[in-house]
Amino acid sequence: MILPTLKIKMQGPKGLVNICTIIDTSSHRSYILEKIARKFRCETESEQTMVHSLFGGTKTTATETQNLSGLHWQLRWNI
């Protein structure tokens, strides 16, 4: 499987931040790195433990995730 990537600039409280993204059009969730969440001063709304089921019946180890607030996406194209 090949997923497209995109380099974007997001406006944060301290100015523009360059971010590399992976576009997964069939995903039900979006993920960001913890350091990006800190840069954007996101707040935790709730926490949950996630286990991903992979092909062949394999499962990942349990991972703690946080549902965040404070990110609002606006897409603007400059070509």
PDB file of N, CA and C in Angstrom:
ATOM      1  N   MET A   1       0.841  -1.163   0.000  1.00  0.00           N
ATOM      2  CA  MET A   1       0.000   0.000   0.000  1.00  0.00           C
ATOM      3  C   MET A   1       0.891   1.233   0.000  1.00  0.00           C
ATOM      4  N   ILE A   2       0.579   2.165  -0.839  1.00  0.00           N
ATOM      5  CA  ILE A   2       1.319   3.416  -0.917  1.00  0.00           C
ATOM      6  C   ILE A   2       0.378   4.539  -0.495  1.00  0.00           C
ATOM      7  N   LEU A   3       0.819   5.317   0.487  1.00  0.00           N
ATOM      8  CA  LEU A   3       0.029   6.448   0.959  1.00  0.00           C
ATOM      9  C   LEU A   3       0.686   7.749   0.506  1.00  0.00           C
ATOM     10  N   PRO A   4      -0.117   8.694   0.007  1.00  0.00           N
ATOM     11  CA  PRO A   4       0.464   9.968  -0.403  1.00  0.00           C
ATOM     12  C   PRO A   4       0.920  10.775   0.811  1.00  0.00           C
ATOM     13  N   THR A   5       1.943  11.591   0.611  1.00  0.00           N
ATOM     14  CA  THR A   5       2.436  12.470   1.663  1.00  0.00           C
ATOM     15  C   THR A   5       2.308  13.913   1.202  1.00  0.00           C
ATOM     16  N   LEU A   6       2.316  14.804   2.172  1.00  0.00           N
ATOM     17  CA  LEU A   6       2.154  16.218   1.867  1.00  0.00           C
ATOM     18  C   LEU A   6       2.885  17.020   2.934  1.00  0.00           C
ATOM     19  N   LYS A   7       3.663  18.007   2.518  1.00  0.00           N
ATOM     20  CA  LYS A   7       4.270  18.940   3.460  1.00  0.00           C
ATOM     21  C   LYS A   7       3.345  20.144   3.563  1.00  0.00           C
ATOM     22  N   ILE A   8       2.977  20.494   4.799  1.00  0.00           N
ATOM     23  CA  ILE A   8       2.061  21.606   5.008  1.00  0.00           C
ATOM     24  C   ILE A   8       2.658  22.581   6.015  1.00  0.00           C
ATOM     25  N   LYS A   9       2.113  23.778   6.033  1.00  0.00           N
ATOM     26  CA  LYS A   9       2.436  24.769   7.048  1.00  0.00           C
ATOM     27  C   LYS A   9       1.163  25.043   7.829  1.00  0.00           C
ATOM     28  N   MET A  10       1.250  24.928   9.160  1.00  0.00           N
ATOM     29  CA  MET A  10       0.096  25.214  10.014  1.00  0.00           C
ATOM     30  C   MET A  10       0.393  26.446  10.845  1.00  0.00           C
ATOM     31  N   GLN A  11      -0.606  27.281  11.005  1.00  0.00           N
ATOM     32  CA  GLN A  11      -0.467  28.482  11.819  1.00  0.00           C
ATOM     33  C   GLN A  11      -0.665  28.108  13.277  1.00  0.00           C
ATOM     34  N   GLY A  12       0.345  28.319  14.080  1.00  0.00           N
ATOM     35  CA  GLY A  12       0.273  28.038  15.505  1.00  0.00           C
ATOM     36  C   GLY A  12       0.392  29.307  16.312  1.00  0.00           C
ATOM     37  N   PRO A  13       0.357  29.184  17.632  1.00  0.00           N
ATOM     38  CA  PRO A  13       0.435  30.381  18.479  1.00  0.00           C
ATOM     39  C   PRO A  13       1.773  31.116  18.350  1.00  0.00           C
ATOM     40  N   LYS A  14       2.806  30.418  17.887  1.00  0.00           N
ATOM     41  CA  LYS A  14       4.119  31.037  17.725  1.00  0.00           C
ATOM     42  C   LYS A  14       4.490  31.215  16.257  1.00  0.00           C
ATOM     43  N   GLY A  15       3.506  31.204  15.358  1.00  0.00           N
ATOM     44  CA  GLY A  15       3.778  31.383  13.937  1.00  0.00           C
ATOM     45  C   GLY A  15       3.565  30.103  13.149  1.00  0.00           C
ATOM     46  N   LEU A  16       4.109  30.077  11.934  1.00  0.00           N
ATOM     47  CA  LEU A  16       3.940  28.929  11.048  1.00  0.00           C
ATOM     48  C   LEU A  16       4.830  27.767  11.480  1.00  0.00           C
ATOM     49  N   VAL A  17       4.270  26.558  11.395  1.00  0.00           N
ATOM     50  CA  VAL A  17       4.997  25.340  11.730  1.00  0.00           C
ATOM     51  C   VAL A  17       4.948  24.430  10.509  1.00  0.00           C
ATOM     52  N   ASN A  18       6.111  23.945  10.043  1.00  0.00           N
ATOM     53  CA  ASN A  18       6.173  23.001   8.930  1.00  0.00           C
ATOM     54  C   ASN A  18       5.884  21.595   9.446  1.00  0.00           C
ATOM     55  N   ILE A  19       4.982  20.886   8.787  1.00  0.00           N
ATOM     56  CA  ILE A  19       4.576  19.551   9.212  1.00  0.00           C
ATOM     57  C   ILE A  19       4.538  18.633   7.996  1.00  0.00           C
ATOM     58  N   CYS A  20       5.079  17.431   8.148  1.00  0.00           N
ATOM     59  CA  CYS A  20       4.969  16.394   7.118  1.00  0.00           C
ATOM     60  C   CYS A  20       3.765  15.525   7.466  1.00  0.00           C
ATOM     61  N   THR A  21       2.899  15.272   6.505  1.00  0.00           N
ATOM     62  CA  THR A  21       1.682  14.505   6.751  1.00  0.00           C
ATOM     63  C   THR A  21       1.619  13.274   5.852  1.00  0.00           C
ATOM     64  N   ILE A  22       0.854  12.296   6.285  1.00  0.00           N
ATOM     65  CA  ILE A  22       0.513  11.126   5.478  1.00  0.00           C
ATOM     66  C   ILE A  22      -0.997  11.176   5.284  1.00  0.00           C
ATOM     67  N   ILE A  23      -1.444  11.074   4.064  1.00  0.00           N
ATOM     68  CA  ILE A  23      -2.869  11.147   3.752  1.00  0.00           C
ATOM     69  C   ILE A  23      -3.418   9.728   3.608  1.00  0.00           C
ATOM     70  N   ASP A  24      -4.272   9.318   4.533  1.00  0.00           N
ATOM     71  CA  ASP A  24      -4.906   8.004   4.489  1.00  0.00           C
ATOM     72  C   ASP A  24      -6.405   8.223   4.314  1.00  0.00           C
ATOM     73  N   THR A  25      -6.878   8.122   3.082  1.00  0.00           N
ATOM     74  CA  THR A  25      -8.269   8.456   2.774  1.00  0.00           C
ATOM     75  C   THR A  25      -9.273   7.476   3.354  1.00  0.00           C
ATOM     76  N   SER A  26      -8.831   6.311   3.809  1.00  0.00           N
ATOM     77  CA  SER A  26      -9.785   5.357   4.374  1.00  0.00           C
ATOM     78  C   SER A  26      -9.692   5.273   5.898  1.00  0.00           C
ATOM     79  N   SER A  27      -8.902   6.144   6.502  1.00  0.00           N
ATOM     80  CA  SER A  27      -8.745   6.130   7.954  1.00  0.00           C
ATOM     81  C   SER A  27      -9.948   6.781   8.637  1.00  0.00           C
ATOM     82  N   HIS A  28     -10.272   6.279   9.815  1.00  0.00           N
ATOM     83  CA  HIS A  28     -11.372   6.840  10.599  1.00  0.00           C
ATOM     84  C   HIS A  28     -10.879   7.871  11.604  1.00  0.00           C
ATOM     85  N   ARG A  29      -9.566   8.000  11.757  1.00  0.00           N
ATOM     86  CA  ARG A  29      -8.984   8.932  12.718  1.00  0.00           C
ATOM     87  C   ARG A  29      -7.791   9.642  12.105  1.00  0.00           C
ATOM     88  N   SER A  30      -7.447  10.764  12.699  1.00  0.00           N
ATOM     89  CA  SER A  30      -6.231  11.481  12.332  1.00  0.00           C
ATOM     90  C   SER A  30      -5.337  11.529  13.554  1.00  0.00           C
ATOM     91  N   TYR A  31      -4.045  11.436  13.344  1.00  0.00           N
ATOM     92  CA  TYR A  31      -3.085  11.416  14.437  1.00  0.00           C
ATOM     93  C   TYR A  31      -2.049  12.513  14.248  1.00  0.00           C
ATOM     94  N   ILE A  32      -1.588  13.064  15.372  1.00  0.00           N
ATOM     95  CA  ILE A  32      -0.483  14.008  15.335  1.00  0.00           C
ATOM     96  C   ILE A  32       0.515  13.595  16.409  1.00  0.00           C
ATOM     97  N   LEU A  33       1.750  14.021  16.224  1.00  0.00           N
ATOM     98  CA  LEU A  33       2.777  13.740  17.220  1.00  0.00           C
ATOM     99  C   LEU A  33       2.536  14.577  18.473  1.00  0.00           C
ATOM    100  N   GLU A  34       2.988  14.050  19.588  1.00  0.00           N
ATOM    101  CA  GLU A  34       2.822  14.760  20.858  1.00  0.00           C
ATOM    102  C   GLU A  34       3.505  16.127  20.828  1.00  0.00           C
ATOM    103  N   LYS A  35       4.680  16.212  20.181  1.00  0.00           N
ATOM    104  CA  LYS A  35       5.383  17.499  20.147  1.00  0.00           C
ATOM    105  C   LYS A  35       4.607  18.543  19.338  1.00  0.00           C
ATOM    106  N   ILE A  36       3.848  18.106  18.324  1.00  0.00           N
ATOM    107  CA  ILE A  36       3.007  19.041  17.560  1.00  0.00           C
ATOM    108  C   ILE A  36       1.850  19.511  18.427  1.00  0.00           C
ATOM    109  N   ALA A  37       1.245  18.590  19.179  1.00  0.00           N
ATOM    110  CA  ALA A  37       0.144  18.959  20.080  1.00  0.00           C
ATOM    111  C   ALA A  37       0.620  19.983  21.105  1.00  0.00           C
ATOM    112  N   ARG A  38       1.839  19.816  21.611  1.00  0.00           N
ATOM    113  CA  ARG A  38       2.387  20.783  22.577  1.00  0.00           C
ATOM    114  C   ARG A  38       2.608  22.141  21.919  1.00  0.00           C
ATOM    115  N   LYS A  39       3.116  22.142  20.684  1.00  0.00           N
ATOM    116  CA  LYS A  39       3.349  23.411  19.979  1.00  0.00           C
ATOM    117  C   LYS A  39       2.053  24.185  19.786  1.00  0.00           C
ATOM    118  N   PHE A  40       0.965  23.456  19.537  1.00  0.00           N
ATOM    119  CA  PHE A  40      -0.323  24.099  19.296  1.00  0.00           C
ATOM    120  C   PHE A  40      -1.149  24.261  20.559  1.00  0.00           C
ATOM    121  N   ARG A  41      -0.544  23.903  21.698  1.00  0.00           N
ATOM    122  CA  ARG A  41      -1.183  24.053  23.010  1.00  0.00           C
ATOM    123  C   ARG A  41      -2.565  23.399  23.064  1.00  0.00           C
ATOM    124  N   CYS A  42      -2.661  22.189  22.529  1.00  0.00           N
ATOM    125  CA  CYS A  42      -3.920  21.442  22.553  1.00  0.00           C
ATOM    126  C   CYS A  42      -4.205  20.959  23.975  1.00  0.00           C
ATOM    127  N   GLU A  43      -5.461  20.836  24.302  1.00  0.00           N
ATOM    128  CA  GLU A  43      -5.864  20.325  25.605  1.00  0.00           C
ATOM    129  C   GLU A  43      -6.488  18.949  25.429  1.00  0.00           C
ATOM    130  N   THR A  44      -6.278  18.068  26.424  1.00  0.00           N
ATOM    131  CA  THR A  44      -6.826  16.720  26.376  1.00  0.00           C
ATOM    132  C   THR A  44      -8.300  16.752  26.776  1.00  0.00           C
ATOM    133  N   GLU A  45      -9.172  16.216  25.921  1.00  0.00           N
ATOM    134  CA  GLU A  45     -10.593  16.090  26.241  1.00  0.00           C
ATOM    135  C   GLU A  45     -10.871  14.765  26.937  1.00  0.00           C
ATOM    136  N   SER A  46     -10.214  13.695  26.468  1.00  0.00           N
ATOM    137  CA  SER A  46     -10.378  12.371  27.063  1.00  0.00           C
ATOM    138  C   SER A  46      -9.213  11.497  26.636  1.00  0.00           C
ATOM    139  N   GLU A  47      -9.066  10.358  27.304  1.00  0.00           N
ATOM    140  CA  GLU A  47      -8.003   9.408  26.981  1.00  0.00           C
ATOM    141  C   GLU A  47      -8.617   8.045  26.725  1.00  0.00           C
ATOM    142  N   GLN A  48      -7.934   7.243  25.909  1.00  0.00           N
ATOM    143  CA  GLN A  48      -8.394   5.887  25.659  1.00  0.00           C
ATOM    144  C   GLN A  48      -7.209   5.012  25.286  1.00  0.00           C
ATOM    145  N   THR A  49      -7.381   3.709  25.455  1.00  0.00           N
ATOM    146  CA  THR A  49      -6.369   2.741  25.067  1.00  0.00           C
ATOM    147  C   THR A  49      -6.777   2.153  23.731  1.00  0.00           C
ATOM    148  N   MET A  50      -5.846   2.120  22.777  1.00  0.00           N
ATOM    149  CA  MET A  50      -6.163   1.596  21.454  1.00  0.00           C
ATOM    150  C   MET A  50      -5.279   0.411  21.121  1.00  0.00           C
ATOM    151  N   VAL A  51      -5.864  -0.579  20.461  1.00  0.00           N
ATOM    152  CA  VAL A  51      -5.147  -1.715  19.906  1.00  0.00           C
ATOM    153  C   VAL A  51      -5.593  -1.822  18.452  1.00  0.00           C
ATOM    154  N   HIS A  52      -4.650  -1.817  17.530  1.00  0.00           N
ATOM    155  CA  HIS A  52      -4.980  -1.892  16.107  1.00  0.00           C
ATOM    156  C   HIS A  52      -4.904  -3.340  15.636  1.00  0.00           C
ATOM    157  N   SER A  53      -5.932  -3.779  14.921  1.00  0.00           N
ATOM    158  CA  SER A  53      -5.930  -5.103  14.304  1.00  0.00           C
ATOM    159  C   SER A  53      -5.369  -4.973  12.902  1.00  0.00           C
ATOM    160  N   LEU A  54      -4.356  -5.770  12.608  1.00  0.00           N
ATOM    161  CA  LEU A  54      -3.679  -5.691  11.328  1.00  0.00           C
ATOM    162  C   LEU A  54      -4.018  -6.894  10.463  1.00  0.00           C
ATOM    163  N   PHE A  55      -3.521  -6.904   9.242  1.00  0.00           N
ATOM    164  CA  PHE A  55      -3.747  -8.030   8.343  1.00  0.00           C
ATOM    165  C   PHE A  55      -3.155  -9.303   8.939  1.00  0.00           C
ATOM    166  N   GLY A  56      -3.795 -10.423   8.714  1.00  0.00           N
ATOM    167  CA  GLY A  56      -3.297 -11.703   9.211  1.00  0.00           C
ATOM    168  C   GLY A  56      -3.623 -11.958  10.665  1.00  0.00           C
ATOM    169  N   GLY A  57      -4.484 -11.137  11.269  1.00  0.00           N
ATOM    170  CA  GLY A  57      -4.885 -11.355  12.651  1.00  0.00           C
ATOM    171  C   GLY A  57      -3.922 -10.818  13.695  1.00  0.00           C
ATOM    172  N   THR A  58      -2.867 -10.156  13.272  1.00  0.00           N
ATOM    173  CA  THR A  58      -1.903  -9.580  14.207  1.00  0.00           C
ATOM    174  C   THR A  58      -2.492  -8.332  14.852  1.00  0.00           C
ATOM    175  N   LYS A  59      -2.188  -8.124  16.125  1.00  0.00           N
ATOM    176  CA  LYS A  59      -2.637  -6.921  16.831  1.00  0.00           C
ATOM    177  C   LYS A  59      -1.439  -6.183  17.397  1.00  0.00           C
ATOM    178  N   THR A  60      -1.541  -4.864  17.440  1.00  0.00           N
ATOM    179  CA  THR A  60      -0.481  -4.057  18.027  1.00  0.00           C
ATOM    180  C   THR A  60      -0.591  -4.094  19.544  1.00  0.00           C
ATOM    181  N   THR A  61       0.447  -3.666  20.218  1.00  0.00           N
ATOM    182  CA  THR A  61       0.374  -3.556  21.669  1.00  0.00           C
ATOM    183  C   THR A  61      -0.512  -2.364  22.024  1.00  0.00           C
ATOM    184  N   ALA A  62      -1.083  -2.395  23.204  1.00  0.00           N
ATOM    185  CA  ALA A  62      -1.978  -1.331  23.647  1.00  0.00           C
ATOM    186  C   ALA A  62      -1.219  -0.010  23.736  1.00  0.00           C
ATOM    187  N   THR A  63      -1.843   1.040  23.226  1.00  0.00           N
ATOM    188  CA  THR A  63      -1.251   2.370  23.212  1.00  0.00           C
ATOM    189  C   THR A  63      -2.236   3.355  23.815  1.00  0.00           C
ATOM    190  N   GLU A  64      -1.743   4.198  24.710  1.00  0.00           N
ATOM    191  CA  GLU A  64      -2.588   5.246  25.279  1.00  0.00           C
ATOM    192  C   GLU A  64      -2.673   6.404  24.287  1.00  0.00           C
ATOM    193  N   THR A  65      -3.877   6.837  23.976  1.00  0.00           N
ATOM    194  CA  THR A  65      -4.072   7.978  23.092  1.00  0.00           C
ATOM    195  C   THR A  65      -4.922   9.017  23.800  1.00  0.00           C
ATOM    196  N   GLN A  66      -4.850  10.238  23.314  1.00  0.00           N
ATOM    197  CA  GLN A  66      -5.627  11.326  23.884  1.00  0.00           C
ATOM    198  C   GLN A  66      -6.456  11.971  22.792  1.00  0.00           C
ATOM    199  N   ASN A  67      -7.705  12.259  23.107  1.00  0.00           N
ATOM    200  CA  ASN A  67      -8.554  13.037  22.212  1.00  0.00           C
ATOM    201  C   ASN A  67      -8.328  14.498  22.569  1.00  0.00           C
ATOM    202  N   LEU A  68      -7.950  15.298  21.573  1.00  0.00           N
ATOM    203  CA  LEU A  68      -7.530  16.669  21.824  1.00  0.00           C
ATOM    204  C   LEU A  68      -8.559  17.678  21.361  1.00  0.00           C
ATOM    205  N   SER A  69      -8.510  18.842  21.997  1.00  0.00           N
ATOM    206  CA  SER A  69      -9.275  19.988  21.515  1.00  0.00           C
ATOM    207  C   SER A  69      -8.286  21.102  21.225  1.00  0.00           C
ATOM    208  N   GLY A  70      -8.685  22.051  20.442  1.00  0.00           N
ATOM    209  CA  GLY A  70      -7.831  23.195  20.170  1.00  0.00           C
ATOM    210  C   GLY A  70      -7.235  23.210  18.780  1.00  0.00           C
ATOM    211  N   LEU A  71      -7.498  22.176  17.967  1.00  0.00           N
ATOM    212  CA  LEU A  71      -7.028  22.202  16.584  1.00  0.00           C
ATOM    213  C   LEU A  71      -8.218  22.460  15.672  1.00  0.00           C
ATOM    214  N   HIS A  72      -8.095  23.459  14.826  1.00  0.00           N
ATOM    215  CA  HIS A  72      -9.139  23.773  13.859  1.00  0.00           C
ATOM    216  C   HIS A  72      -8.458  23.847  12.501  1.00  0.00           C
ATOM    217  N   TRP A  73      -8.901  23.011  11.586  1.00  0.00           N
ATOM    218  CA  TRP A  73      -8.246  22.898  10.285  1.00  0.00           C
ATOM    219  C   TRP A  73      -8.893  23.828   9.277  1.00  0.00           C
ATOM    220  N   GLN A  74      -8.057  24.494   8.523  1.00  0.00           N
ATOM    221  CA  GLN A  74      -8.522  25.286   7.395  1.00  0.00           C
ATOM    222  C   GLN A  74      -7.542  25.048   6.268  1.00  0.00           C
ATOM    223  N   LEU A  75      -8.045  24.601   5.148  1.00  0.00           N
ATOM    224  CA  LEU A  75      -7.187  24.303   4.001  1.00  0.00           C
ATOM    225  C   LEU A  75      -7.152  25.495   3.073  1.00  0.00           C
ATOM    226  N   ARG A  76      -5.951  25.883   2.685  1.00  0.00           N
ATOM    227  CA  ARG A  76      -5.795  26.980   1.744  1.00  0.00           C
ATOM    228  C   ARG A  76      -4.678  26.605   0.792  1.00  0.00           C
ATOM    229  N   TRP A  77      -4.948  26.618  -0.466  1.00  0.00           N
ATOM    230  CA  TRP A  77      -3.960  26.220  -1.467  1.00  0.00           C
ATOM    231  C   TRP A  77      -3.260  27.421  -2.041  1.00  0.00           C
ATOM    232  N   ASN A  78      -1.930  27.368  -2.074  1.00  0.00           N
ATOM    233  CA  ASN A  78      -1.119  28.384  -2.758  1.00  0.00           C
ATOM    234  C   ASN A  78      -0.331  27.673  -3.850  1.00  0.00           C
ATOM    235  N   ILE A  79      -0.729  27.880  -5.070  1.00  0.00           N
ATOM    236  CA  ILE A  79      -0.073  27.172  -6.177  1.00  0.00           C
ATOM    237  C   ILE A  79       0.720  28.175  -7.013  1.00  0.00           C
TER     238      ILE A  79
END
